[in-house]
Amino acid sequence: MTFTGTLLPYQPEAVDRMCERSKMLVAYDLGLGKTVITIAAIERLMDENKIKEPGLIICLSSLKYQWANQIEKFTDGTSKALVIDGTPKKRAEQYEQAFDWRNTGVDYVILNYEQIVNDWDKVRHLPRGFVVLDEATAIKSFKSKRSKAVKRLINAPFRFALTGTPIENGKPEELYSIMQFVDANVLGRFDIFDSAFIVRNSWGAPQYYRNLDTLHTKMKEASVRKAQKDEDVAPYLPDTIHKEPIKISFDRKCSKLYTRIAGDLLFDLDEAQALFGSGFNVMAHYGYASQRGGPEDEMRGKIMSKIGSLKMLCSHPDLLRSSAVKFKLQSGEGSSYANELVDSGALDGISHSPKLDYLVQYVKEFLEQDEANKVVIFATYVDMLDKISEALGPEQCRLYSGKLDAKTKEENKIAFNTDSSVRVLISSDAGGYGVDLPAANLLVNYDLPWSSGAAVQRNGRIRRASSTWPSIVIQDLLIEGSIEVRQHESLQQKSSVADAIIDGEGLDKDGGVPLSIESLKQFLASAII
């Protein structure tokens, strides 16, 4: 044991407060070293004999080996990390090593969130000198199985939740769920919290948020926060050039199909409003699941299938075809609406994507400018990753998605960061959390996620304190006049709510955040492709 790394000047404050208070939300911005800060704090607490037994690091499956590597790196191998991974038989052997920690020398037990649920009979017996939740937005939902399972671990004396985006969807109640694990006393009872900060409509859906300045102040008690723009942080990061979105025009055939799908979506939105009132529009508009069940869920499914079809068409018409194939296979995947489009002949003669054509030209030109340049590309649909790789040349690309096992993902990440011949990493949102990609100086969002937190996470992959680039570029690609433009506007709104709570910014005189985005119906009706 003993931390052997070197902290940057803005990091020791967090280590001190974590050790002093023992229960903290570590909300350092993306790329500012939450992992190294946490290892430093735990190692100090171990050295001071305040942590007397091994503890748990709970993270996304794709990050388990990264955590193990970082623990070895920053302790020179004097602390032992055990990754729980593999077949049930292999995991059973690993759990036995953890149980026998006095003889095996295990200091850190690293698991992913799903294992807390699926292996609870084993997990409940693990030593818990500390519990760390990495990417703690994994427990933002009160009702999820993972959230309930993780909160069974709150008897650990040291509890740290790490996330650069504690409010992913602009919803303060997500922060409340995380703080239930960290320290439930900070935000108190939910009914009082709800009435103080959330104004709901007659359907029970949040209408707007208020008194966010008060919430921001309360959170200071149990959180440490540094932003990339802070004066003591910015010198250690590359300058970020977040360019205005590039808007690409559809060709005539794609435009015609888009108009047809948008018309079908408008019809469904009108029907939903007639049946369920305007409250339904808000839910569909933000892409959240309905909480009423029954016919409303069925209607929401119809609406989201058409929204998904619009997004797939914007990326590549072949995504609609592959979705139809999956539906026909009755695999539980795919879209019945996409299948209807294919069967009706709506996709006949539509074979290429203007956006993919633009991406290939844009990336190739960038790579040709300097042989050291490297690019990260994010795309929502996993089927799109192979298409992009094939178009750019598979020999210079590596993929990162949930279809790959944790070891392969880590190997691809390392190859991208260290191998000069690997110049492009193409990732689904599986690579949006906790993956350090300092070798890149351009990040392209081929499309956008629904969550503002996910968008911020994506963009933070290449803006790291470990980057050697003086500046990096982030570029979003949108189809002109499409739902992607609407999505971009929505993400700006959600981000403003998060900024108000975490950084105390963008508040009006009443401590609220002004809402300014028109309804999805209005947007669809006014947009002409």
Protein backbone atom coordinates (compact mmCIF):
# COMPACT_ATOMS: atom_id res chain seq x y z
CA MET A 1 0.00 0.00 0.00
CA THR A 2 0.88 3.73 -0.28
CA PHE A 3 0.10 6.08 -3.14
CA THR A 4 3.11 6.68 -5.37
CA GLY A 5 1.60 8.98 -8.00
CA THR A 6 1.95 12.74 -8.30
CA LEU A 7 -1.19 14.82 -7.82
CA LEU A 8 -1.80 17.96 -9.85
CA PRO A 9 -2.21 21.16 -7.79
CA TYR A 10 -6.02 21.16 -7.98
CA GLN A 11 -6.39 17.54 -6.77
CA PRO A 12 -5.15 17.38 -3.10
CA GLU A 13 -8.13 19.42 -1.83
CA ALA A 14 -10.48 16.61 -2.89
CA VAL A 15 -8.29 13.94 -1.28
CA ASP A 16 -8.24 15.90 1.99
CA ARG A 17 -12.01 16.35 2.10
CA MET A 18 -12.69 12.70 1.19
CA CYS A 19 -10.46 11.55 4.04
CA GLU A 20 -11.94 14.05 6.51
CA ARG A 21 -15.64 13.53 5.78
CA SER A 22 -15.59 9.87 4.63
CA LYS A 23 -18.80 10.22 2.58
CA MET A 24 -18.44 12.37 -0.53
CA LEU A 25 -19.74 12.97 -4.01
CA VAL A 26 -16.64 13.51 -6.14
CA ALA A 27 -18.04 15.64 -8.95
CA TYR A 28 -14.78 16.65 -10.56
CA ASP A 29 -15.35 17.39 -14.23
CA LEU A 30 -14.46 14.89 -16.93
CA GLY A 31 -10.75 14.30 -17.41
CA LEU A 32 -9.71 15.86 -14.10
CA GLY A 33 -8.54 12.64 -12.44
CA LYS A 34 -11.34 11.27 -10.27
CA THR A 35 -9.72 7.82 -10.37
CA VAL A 36 -6.29 8.96 -9.20
CA ILE A 37 -7.86 11.21 -6.53
CA THR A 38 -9.85 8.27 -5.18
CA ILE A 39 -6.88 5.89 -5.12
CA ALA A 40 -4.84 8.56 -3.30
CA ALA A 41 -7.58 9.00 -0.67
CA ILE A 42 -8.08 5.28 -0.08
CA GLU A 43 -4.34 4.61 0.13
CA ARG A 44 -3.95 7.39 2.73
CA LEU A 45 -6.84 6.00 4.76
CA MET A 46 -5.30 2.53 4.57
CA ASP A 47 -1.90 3.88 5.67
CA GLU A 48 -3.56 5.65 8.61
CA ASN A 49 -5.32 2.39 9.51
CA LYS A 50 -8.73 4.05 9.19
CA ILE A 51 -9.65 1.54 6.48
CA LYS A 52 -9.03 -1.81 8.09
CA GLU A 53 -10.20 -4.24 5.42
CA PRO A 54 -10.52 -4.39 1.61
CA GLY A 55 -13.29 -2.51 -0.12
CA LEU A 56 -15.27 -2.48 -3.34
CA ILE A 57 -14.83 -0.54 -6.55
CA ILE A 58 -18.12 -0.75 -8.47
CA CYS A 59 -17.91 0.47 -12.05
CA LEU A 60 -19.07 -0.17 -15.60
CA SER A 61 -18.00 -3.54 -16.98
CA SER A 62 -15.80 -1.88 -19.58
CA LEU A 63 -13.79 -0.05 -16.90
CA LYS A 64 -12.90 -2.90 -14.52
CA TYR A 65 -9.49 -3.64 -15.99
CA GLN A 66 -8.75 0.05 -16.37
CA TRP A 67 -9.27 0.45 -12.61
CA ALA A 68 -7.00 -2.51 -11.89
CA ASN A 69 -4.28 -1.05 -14.12
CA GLN A 70 -4.55 2.35 -12.44
CA ILE A 71 -4.32 0.87 -8.93
CA GLU A 72 -1.18 -1.04 -9.92
CA LYS A 73 0.29 2.06 -11.58
CA PHE A 74 -0.30 4.47 -8.70
CA THR A 75 0.81 2.06 -5.93
CA ASP A 76 3.73 0.47 -7.79
CA GLY A 77 1.95 -2.84 -7.35
CA THR A 78 2.01 -2.68 -3.54
CA SER A 79 -1.78 -2.81 -3.42
CA LYS A 80 -3.56 -5.80 -4.93
CA ALA A 81 -6.69 -5.37 -7.04
CA LEU A 82 -8.91 -8.36 -7.78
CA VAL A 83 -11.22 -8.09 -10.81
CA ILE A 84 -14.37 -10.21 -10.62
CA ASP A 85 -14.91 -11.35 -14.20
CA GLY A 86 -15.52 -14.40 -16.38
CA THR A 87 -17.65 -17.53 -16.10
CA PRO A 88 -19.70 -18.34 -12.98
CA LYS A 89 -17.06 -20.92 -11.99
CA LYS A 90 -14.22 -18.43 -12.41
CA ARG A 91 -16.10 -15.75 -10.51
CA ALA A 92 -16.78 -18.18 -7.66
CA GLU A 93 -13.02 -18.77 -7.34
CA GLN A 94 -12.39 -15.02 -7.38
CA TYR A 95 -14.98 -14.41 -4.67
CA GLU A 96 -13.24 -17.03 -2.50
CA GLN A 97 -9.98 -15.09 -2.89
CA ALA A 98 -11.79 -11.95 -1.74
CA PHE A 99 -13.35 -13.70 1.27
CA ASP A 100 -9.88 -14.98 2.28
CA TRP A 101 -8.27 -11.53 1.94
CA ARG A 102 -6.10 -11.90 5.03
CA ASN A 103 -4.19 -14.66 3.25
CA THR A 104 -4.56 -13.61 -0.40
CA GLY A 105 -3.57 -9.97 0.22
CA VAL A 106 -6.47 -8.50 -1.75
CA ASP A 107 -6.99 -4.76 -1.11
CA TYR A 108 -9.51 -3.78 -3.80
CA VAL A 109 -12.35 -5.92 -5.18
CA ILE A 110 -13.52 -4.60 -8.55
CA LEU A 111 -17.02 -5.45 -9.79
CA ASN A 112 -19.49 -4.09 -12.31
CA TYR A 113 -22.97 -2.95 -11.38
CA GLU A 114 -24.76 -5.97 -12.85
CA GLN A 115 -22.74 -8.28 -10.58
CA ILE A 116 -24.04 -6.48 -7.49
CA VAL A 117 -27.52 -7.62 -8.57
CA ASN A 118 -26.77 -11.02 -10.11
CA ASP A 119 -24.13 -12.18 -7.59
CA TRP A 120 -25.71 -10.66 -4.50
CA ASP A 121 -25.45 -13.91 -2.52
CA LYS A 122 -21.67 -13.59 -2.85
CA VAL A 123 -21.40 -9.80 -2.82
CA ARG A 124 -23.24 -9.47 0.49
CA HIS A 125 -20.39 -11.35 2.21
CA LEU A 126 -17.55 -9.30 0.72
CA PRO A 127 -15.48 -7.08 3.01
CA ARG A 128 -16.48 -3.46 2.64
CA GLY A 129 -13.91 -1.23 4.28
CA PHE A 130 -14.97 1.25 1.62
CA VAL A 131 -17.32 1.35 -1.37
CA VAL A 132 -16.59 3.45 -4.44
CA LEU A 133 -19.21 3.98 -7.14
CA ASP A 134 -17.57 5.00 -10.40
CA GLU A 135 -19.85 6.67 -12.95
CA ALA A 136 -22.40 6.92 -10.15
CA THR A 137 -25.20 8.00 -12.49
CA ALA A 138 -25.68 4.24 -12.83
CA ILE A 139 -27.87 4.56 -9.71
CA LYS A 140 -29.70 7.74 -10.76
CA SER A 141 -33.02 5.85 -10.87
CA PHE A 142 -34.73 5.07 -7.57
CA LYS A 143 -36.52 2.05 -8.99
CA SER A 144 -33.77 0.18 -10.84
CA LYS A 145 -32.56 -3.15 -9.46
CA ARG A 146 -28.96 -1.98 -9.55
CA SER A 147 -29.78 1.15 -7.55
CA LYS A 148 -31.62 -0.83 -4.87
CA ALA A 149 -28.85 -3.45 -4.68
CA VAL A 150 -26.04 -0.90 -4.42
CA LYS A 151 -27.84 0.97 -1.65
CA ARG A 152 -27.70 -2.19 0.46
CA LEU A 153 -23.99 -1.43 0.84
CA ILE A 154 -24.47 1.84 2.74
CA ASN A 155 -23.10 0.39 5.98
CA ALA A 156 -19.58 0.82 4.57
CA PRO A 157 -17.78 3.45 6.69
CA PHE A 158 -16.26 5.18 3.65
CA ARG A 159 -18.51 5.83 0.65
CA PHE A 160 -17.48 7.78 -2.43
CA ALA A 161 -19.58 8.36 -5.56
CA LEU A 162 -17.68 9.56 -8.64
CA THR A 163 -19.21 11.31 -11.63
CA GLY A 164 -18.47 14.36 -13.71
CA THR A 165 -22.15 14.56 -14.67
CA PRO A 166 -24.25 13.88 -11.54
CA ILE A 167 -27.39 15.14 -13.31
CA GLU A 168 -27.51 13.46 -16.71
CA ASN A 169 -30.98 14.42 -17.87
CA GLY A 170 -31.38 17.76 -16.17
CA LYS A 171 -33.41 16.15 -13.33
CA PRO A 172 -32.45 17.03 -9.72
CA GLU A 173 -34.15 13.84 -8.51
CA GLU A 174 -31.29 11.88 -10.13
CA LEU A 175 -28.86 13.65 -7.78
CA TYR A 176 -31.13 12.76 -4.85
CA SER A 177 -30.87 9.06 -5.71
CA ILE A 178 -27.06 9.20 -5.78
CA MET A 179 -26.97 11.07 -2.47
CA GLN A 180 -29.09 8.35 -0.85
CA PHE A 181 -25.98 6.19 -1.19
CA VAL A 182 -23.41 8.83 -0.29
CA ASP A 183 -25.15 10.42 2.71
CA ALA A 184 -28.95 10.43 2.93
CA ASN A 185 -28.89 13.13 5.61
CA VAL A 186 -27.69 15.83 3.21
CA LEU A 187 -30.90 16.12 1.16
CA GLY A 188 -33.30 14.65 3.74
CA ARG A 189 -36.73 13.19 3.03
CA PHE A 190 -37.77 12.99 -0.62
CA ASP A 191 -41.22 14.53 -0.13
CA ILE A 192 -39.63 17.67 1.34
CA PHE A 193 -36.94 17.71 -1.35
CA ASP A 194 -39.57 17.27 -4.06
CA SER A 195 -41.81 20.11 -2.86
CA ALA A 196 -38.84 22.45 -2.37
CA PHE A 197 -37.18 22.02 -5.75
CA ILE A 198 -39.63 20.45 -8.24
CA VAL A 199 -42.91 21.84 -9.58
CA ARG A 200 -45.03 19.11 -11.15
CA ASN A 201 -47.97 19.24 -13.54
CA SER A 202 -51.29 17.43 -13.05
CA TRP A 203 -49.76 14.27 -14.49
CA GLY A 204 -47.01 14.24 -11.88
CA ALA A 205 -44.30 15.02 -14.43
CA PRO A 206 -41.73 17.73 -13.56
CA GLN A 207 -42.85 21.03 -15.08
CA TYR A 208 -39.92 23.14 -13.94
CA TYR A 209 -37.34 23.35 -11.16
CA ARG A 210 -36.94 26.09 -8.57
CA ASN A 211 -34.67 27.12 -5.68
CA LEU A 212 -31.72 25.52 -7.40
CA ASP A 213 -29.37 28.00 -5.75
CA THR A 214 -30.39 26.52 -2.38
CA LEU A 215 -29.79 23.01 -3.67
CA HIS A 216 -26.40 24.07 -5.01
CA THR A 217 -25.48 25.39 -1.55
CA LYS A 218 -26.66 22.22 0.24
CA MET A 219 -24.57 20.05 -2.06
CA LYS A 220 -21.36 21.88 -1.14
CA GLU A 221 -21.44 20.15 2.25
CA ALA A 222 -20.87 16.68 0.85
CA SER A 223 -19.30 17.18 -2.56
CA VAL A 224 -16.05 18.26 -4.11
CA ARG A 225 -16.26 19.96 -7.47
CA LYS A 226 -13.80 21.30 -9.99
CA ALA A 227 -14.75 22.34 -13.51
CA GLN A 228 -12.52 22.25 -16.55
CA LYS A 229 -12.84 26.03 -16.89
CA ASP A 230 -11.68 26.80 -13.32
CA GLU A 231 -8.58 28.99 -13.20
CA ASP A 232 -6.52 26.44 -11.28
CA VAL A 233 -7.54 23.61 -13.65
CA ALA A 234 -7.54 25.07 -17.17
CA PRO A 235 -3.71 25.28 -17.50
CA TYR A 236 -3.50 21.50 -17.24
CA LEU A 237 -6.00 20.80 -20.03
CA PRO A 238 -5.86 21.30 -23.79
CA ASP A 239 -7.87 24.19 -25.17
CA THR A 240 -11.18 22.94 -26.48
CA ILE A 241 -12.63 24.16 -29.73
CA HIS A 242 -16.27 23.02 -29.76
CA LYS A 243 -17.25 23.98 -33.27
CA GLU A 244 -20.73 24.90 -34.39
CA PRO A 245 -22.58 21.80 -35.63
CA ILE A 246 -22.09 20.96 -39.28
CA LYS A 247 -25.52 20.64 -40.91
CA ILE A 248 -25.71 18.27 -43.85
CA SER A 249 -28.54 18.20 -46.37
CA PHE A 250 -30.43 15.06 -47.30
CA ASP A 251 -30.65 14.05 -50.94
CA ARG A 252 -34.09 14.11 -52.56
CA LYS A 253 -34.99 10.46 -51.87
CA CYS A 254 -33.96 10.56 -48.20
CA SER A 255 -35.83 13.84 -47.78
CA LYS A 256 -39.01 12.31 -49.17
CA LEU A 257 -38.80 9.34 -46.78
CA TYR A 258 -38.04 11.60 -43.83
CA THR A 259 -41.15 13.68 -44.59
CA ARG A 260 -43.28 10.54 -44.64
CA ILE A 261 -41.99 9.33 -41.26
CA ALA A 262 -42.34 12.80 -39.73
CA GLY A 263 -45.95 12.92 -40.94
CA ASP A 264 -46.69 9.57 -39.29
CA LEU A 265 -45.08 10.84 -36.09
CA LEU A 266 -47.16 14.03 -36.11
CA PHE A 267 -50.32 11.93 -36.48
CA ASP A 268 -49.34 9.87 -33.41
CA LEU A 269 -48.50 12.98 -31.38
CA ASP A 270 -51.90 14.48 -32.20
CA GLU A 271 -53.59 11.25 -31.15
CA ALA A 272 -51.56 11.08 -27.93
CA GLN A 273 -52.44 14.65 -27.02
CA ALA A 274 -56.13 13.99 -27.67
CA LEU A 275 -56.09 10.84 -25.53
CA PHE A 276 -53.73 11.78 -22.71
CA GLY A 277 -53.44 15.56 -22.69
CA SER A 278 -50.47 17.85 -23.09
CA GLY A 279 -48.57 16.19 -20.24
CA PHE A 280 -47.88 13.25 -22.53
CA ASN A 281 -46.12 15.52 -25.01
CA VAL A 282 -43.58 16.54 -22.39
CA MET A 283 -42.72 12.94 -21.65
CA ALA A 284 -42.32 12.00 -25.31
CA HIS A 285 -40.46 15.21 -26.05
CA TYR A 286 -37.72 14.39 -23.55
CA GLY A 287 -37.57 10.72 -24.46
CA TYR A 288 -38.42 9.53 -20.94
CA ALA A 289 -40.38 6.39 -20.26
CA SER A 290 -44.02 6.84 -19.37
CA GLN A 291 -44.88 6.14 -15.76
CA ARG A 292 -48.59 5.52 -16.22
CA GLY A 293 -48.56 2.13 -17.93
CA GLY A 294 -51.21 0.56 -20.17
CA PRO A 295 -52.38 2.42 -23.30
CA GLU A 296 -50.02 5.33 -22.63
CA ASP A 297 -47.01 3.01 -22.74
CA GLU A 298 -48.27 1.53 -26.00
CA MET A 299 -48.66 4.99 -27.51
CA ARG A 300 -45.24 6.03 -26.31
CA GLY A 301 -43.81 2.92 -27.99
CA LYS A 302 -45.40 3.96 -31.30
CA ILE A 303 -44.00 7.46 -30.98
CA MET A 304 -40.51 6.39 -29.99
CA SER A 305 -40.35 3.86 -32.85
CA LYS A 306 -40.93 6.70 -35.32
CA ILE A 307 -38.47 9.00 -33.57
CA GLY A 308 -35.97 6.15 -33.71
CA SER A 309 -36.68 5.65 -37.41
CA LEU A 310 -36.03 9.35 -38.09
CA LYS A 311 -32.71 9.09 -36.24
CA MET A 312 -31.73 5.91 -38.07
CA LEU A 313 -32.48 7.49 -41.44
CA CYS A 314 -30.32 10.48 -40.51
CA SER A 315 -27.42 8.11 -39.81
CA HIS A 316 -27.86 5.61 -42.65
CA PRO A 317 -30.91 4.09 -44.38
CA ASP A 318 -29.38 0.62 -43.94
CA LEU A 319 -30.04 0.92 -40.20
CA LEU A 320 -33.76 0.82 -40.97
CA ARG A 321 -33.21 -2.30 -43.07
CA SER A 322 -31.23 -4.06 -40.36
CA SER A 323 -33.86 -3.08 -37.79
CA ALA A 324 -36.53 -4.64 -40.03
CA VAL A 325 -34.49 -7.84 -40.34
CA LYS A 326 -34.12 -8.08 -36.56
CA PHE A 327 -37.87 -7.61 -36.18
CA LYS A 328 -38.57 -10.40 -38.67
CA LEU A 329 -36.25 -12.72 -36.75
CA GLN A 330 -38.44 -12.13 -33.68
CA SER A 331 -35.31 -11.72 -31.57
CA GLY A 332 -36.92 -9.09 -29.37
CA GLU A 333 -35.00 -6.44 -31.26
CA GLY A 334 -35.84 -4.35 -34.25
CA SER A 335 -38.75 -2.09 -35.05
CA SER A 336 -42.14 -3.09 -36.43
CA TYR A 337 -42.44 0.38 -37.93
CA ALA A 338 -39.09 0.02 -39.72
CA ASN A 339 -40.32 -3.33 -40.99
CA GLU A 340 -43.48 -1.66 -42.35
CA LEU A 341 -41.36 0.92 -44.18
CA VAL A 342 -39.21 -1.76 -45.79
CA ASP A 343 -42.17 -3.96 -46.76
CA SER A 344 -43.99 -0.99 -48.30
CA GLY A 345 -41.02 -0.26 -50.57
CA ALA A 346 -40.36 3.12 -48.93
CA LEU A 347 -36.60 2.43 -48.89
CA ASP A 348 -36.36 1.24 -52.49
CA GLY A 349 -33.61 3.12 -54.29
CA ILE A 350 -32.24 4.66 -51.07
CA SER A 351 -28.79 3.19 -50.58
CA HIS A 352 -26.31 5.71 -49.26
CA SER A 353 -25.98 8.22 -46.42
CA PRO A 354 -25.05 11.86 -47.11
CA LYS A 355 -23.83 12.09 -43.52
CA LEU A 356 -21.49 9.10 -43.86
CA ASP A 357 -20.14 10.52 -47.11
CA TYR A 358 -19.39 13.80 -45.35
CA LEU A 359 -17.81 12.09 -42.33
CA VAL A 360 -15.39 10.07 -44.46
CA GLN A 361 -14.23 13.16 -46.34
CA TYR A 362 -13.94 15.22 -43.14
CA VAL A 363 -11.94 12.61 -41.21
CA LYS A 364 -9.62 11.69 -44.07
CA GLU A 365 -8.74 15.33 -44.63
CA PHE A 366 -8.01 15.76 -40.92
CA LEU A 367 -5.78 12.68 -40.75
CA GLU A 368 -3.86 13.83 -43.82
CA GLN A 369 -3.01 17.17 -42.18
CA ASP A 370 -0.65 15.59 -39.63
CA GLU A 371 0.45 11.98 -39.22
CA ALA A 372 0.08 12.36 -35.43
CA ASN A 373 -3.61 13.34 -35.64
CA LYS A 374 -6.09 10.85 -34.18
CA VAL A 375 -9.89 10.80 -34.20
CA VAL A 376 -12.60 9.44 -31.90
CA ILE A 377 -16.03 8.95 -33.52
CA PHE A 378 -19.18 8.32 -31.48
CA ALA A 379 -22.31 6.75 -32.98
CA THR A 380 -25.42 5.61 -31.10
CA TYR A 381 -26.25 2.58 -33.24
CA VAL A 382 -23.80 -0.31 -32.90
CA ASP A 383 -24.51 -1.44 -36.48
CA MET A 384 -23.16 1.93 -37.62
CA LEU A 385 -19.69 1.30 -36.21
CA ASP A 386 -18.79 -1.34 -38.78
CA LYS A 387 -20.08 0.84 -41.62
CA ILE A 388 -17.89 3.74 -40.51
CA SER A 389 -14.87 1.47 -40.08
CA GLU A 390 -15.31 -0.07 -43.51
CA ALA A 391 -15.67 3.37 -45.12
CA LEU A 392 -12.54 4.75 -43.42
CA GLY A 393 -10.43 1.60 -43.81
CA PRO A 394 -10.56 -1.08 -41.08
CA GLU A 395 -6.77 -1.32 -40.87
CA GLN A 396 -6.53 2.06 -39.14
CA CYS A 397 -9.66 1.70 -36.98
CA ARG A 398 -10.53 0.04 -33.69
CA LEU A 399 -14.05 -0.45 -32.32
CA TYR A 400 -15.43 -0.01 -28.80
CA SER A 401 -18.94 -1.24 -28.05
CA GLY A 402 -21.02 -3.42 -25.78
CA LYS A 403 -20.70 -6.27 -28.30
CA LEU A 404 -17.05 -6.66 -27.23
CA ASP A 405 -15.92 -8.17 -23.93
CA ALA A 406 -14.19 -5.99 -21.34
CA LYS A 407 -10.67 -7.22 -22.17
CA THR A 408 -11.05 -6.60 -25.92
CA LYS A 409 -12.39 -3.11 -25.29
CA GLU A 410 -9.43 -2.33 -23.05
CA GLU A 411 -7.00 -3.72 -25.65
CA ASN A 412 -8.57 -1.59 -28.40
CA LYS A 413 -8.39 1.50 -26.21
CA ILE A 414 -4.71 0.89 -25.40
CA ALA A 415 -3.90 0.26 -29.09
CA PHE A 416 -5.54 3.55 -30.05
CA ASN A 417 -3.60 5.46 -27.39
CA THR A 418 -0.22 3.84 -28.07
CA ASP A 419 -0.06 2.45 -31.65
CA SER A 420 0.70 5.08 -34.31
CA SER A 421 -0.94 2.95 -37.02
CA VAL A 422 -4.30 2.97 -35.19
CA ARG A 423 -5.67 6.42 -35.89
CA VAL A 424 -9.43 6.11 -35.41
CA LEU A 425 -11.48 4.76 -32.50
CA ILE A 426 -15.16 4.28 -33.36
CA SER A 427 -17.35 3.87 -30.31
CA SER A 428 -20.93 3.41 -29.23
CA ASP A 429 -21.97 5.04 -25.97
CA ALA A 430 -20.26 2.12 -24.21
CA GLY A 431 -17.10 4.20 -24.61
CA GLY A 432 -18.71 7.39 -23.36
CA TYR A 433 -18.02 6.76 -19.67
CA GLY A 434 -14.64 6.72 -17.97
CA VAL A 435 -12.60 5.85 -21.05
CA ASP A 436 -9.40 7.90 -21.25
CA LEU A 437 -8.48 8.76 -24.86
CA PRO A 438 -5.80 11.47 -24.62
CA ALA A 439 -4.16 10.44 -27.91
CA ALA A 440 -7.00 12.01 -29.92
CA ASN A 441 -7.24 15.64 -30.94
CA LEU A 442 -10.58 15.40 -32.79
CA LEU A 443 -13.86 13.97 -31.54
CA VAL A 444 -16.78 13.65 -33.96
CA ASN A 445 -20.31 13.01 -32.74
CA TYR A 446 -21.82 11.23 -35.74
CA ASP A 447 -25.13 11.56 -33.91
CA LEU A 448 -26.20 12.72 -30.44
CA PRO A 449 -27.48 10.86 -27.36
CA TRP A 450 -30.73 11.88 -25.65
CA SER A 451 -29.04 12.55 -22.32
CA SER A 452 -27.07 15.76 -21.81
CA GLY A 453 -24.89 13.89 -19.31
CA ALA A 454 -24.06 11.29 -21.95
CA ALA A 455 -23.21 14.07 -24.40
CA VAL A 456 -20.88 15.73 -21.90
CA GLN A 457 -19.32 12.36 -21.09
CA ARG A 458 -18.65 11.63 -24.75
CA ASN A 459 -16.98 14.98 -25.30
CA GLY A 460 -14.85 14.57 -22.21
CA ARG A 461 -13.08 11.48 -23.53
CA ILE A 462 -10.35 13.46 -25.28
CA ARG A 463 -10.14 16.54 -23.00
CA ARG A 464 -7.97 14.97 -20.33
CA ALA A 465 -5.25 16.23 -18.02
CA SER A 466 -3.13 13.44 -19.55
CA SER A 467 -3.47 14.90 -23.07
CA THR A 468 -0.33 16.15 -24.80
CA TRP A 469 -2.25 18.20 -27.36
CA PRO A 470 -2.34 22.01 -26.91
CA SER A 471 -5.87 22.04 -28.34
CA ILE A 472 -8.59 19.59 -29.30
CA VAL A 473 -11.64 19.86 -31.55
CA ILE A 474 -15.18 18.57 -30.95
CA GLN A 475 -17.50 18.44 -33.93
CA ASP A 476 -21.19 17.46 -34.10
CA LEU A 477 -22.78 16.35 -37.38
CA LEU A 478 -26.50 17.03 -37.87
CA ILE A 479 -28.93 16.60 -40.74
CA GLU A 480 -30.27 20.05 -41.61
CA GLY A 481 -33.83 20.67 -40.36
CA SER A 482 -34.15 17.16 -38.93
CA ILE A 483 -34.97 15.83 -35.47
CA GLU A 484 -31.23 15.90 -34.82
CA VAL A 485 -31.39 19.70 -34.71
CA ARG A 486 -34.26 19.44 -32.24
CA GLN A 487 -32.21 16.99 -30.17
CA HIS A 488 -29.26 19.38 -30.11
CA GLU A 489 -31.50 22.16 -28.74
CA SER A 490 -32.94 19.84 -26.11
CA LEU A 491 -29.47 18.85 -24.90
CA GLN A 492 -28.57 22.50 -24.38
CA GLN A 493 -31.65 22.91 -22.14
CA LYS A 494 -30.93 19.82 -20.07
CA SER A 495 -27.32 20.88 -19.61
CA SER A 496 -28.43 24.27 -18.26
CA VAL A 497 -30.37 22.62 -15.42
CA ALA A 498 -27.35 20.52 -14.46
CA ASP A 499 -25.07 23.57 -14.54
CA ALA A 500 -27.45 25.44 -12.23
CA ILE A 501 -27.33 22.76 -9.53
CA ILE A 502 -23.71 21.69 -9.78
CA ASP A 503 -22.01 24.99 -10.61
CA GLY A 504 -24.69 27.52 -9.63
CA GLU A 505 -24.83 28.97 -13.14
CA GLY A 506 -27.65 30.11 -15.43
CA LEU A 507 -30.19 30.76 -12.67
CA ASP A 508 -32.91 33.35 -12.99
CA LYS A 509 -33.82 35.70 -10.11
CA ASP A 510 -36.09 33.03 -8.57
CA GLY A 511 -33.40 30.35 -8.55
CA GLY A 512 -34.89 28.54 -11.56
CA VAL A 513 -33.81 27.79 -15.09
CA PRO A 514 -35.84 29.34 -17.92
CA LEU A 515 -37.30 26.86 -20.40
CA SER A 516 -37.27 27.98 -23.99
CA ILE A 517 -37.61 24.99 -26.30
CA GLU A 518 -40.72 24.69 -28.41
CA SER A 519 -42.66 21.45 -28.42
CA LEU A 520 -41.71 18.51 -30.58
CA LYS A 521 -44.95 18.93 -32.50
CA GLN A 522 -44.18 22.53 -33.33
CA PHE A 523 -40.71 21.63 -34.45
CA LEU A 524 -41.84 18.81 -36.71
CA ALA A 525 -44.59 20.93 -38.21
CA SER A 526 -42.25 23.84 -38.97
CA ALA A 527 -39.18 21.89 -40.15
CA ILE A 528 -39.00 21.39 -43.90
CA ILE A 529 -36.46 18.92 -45.20
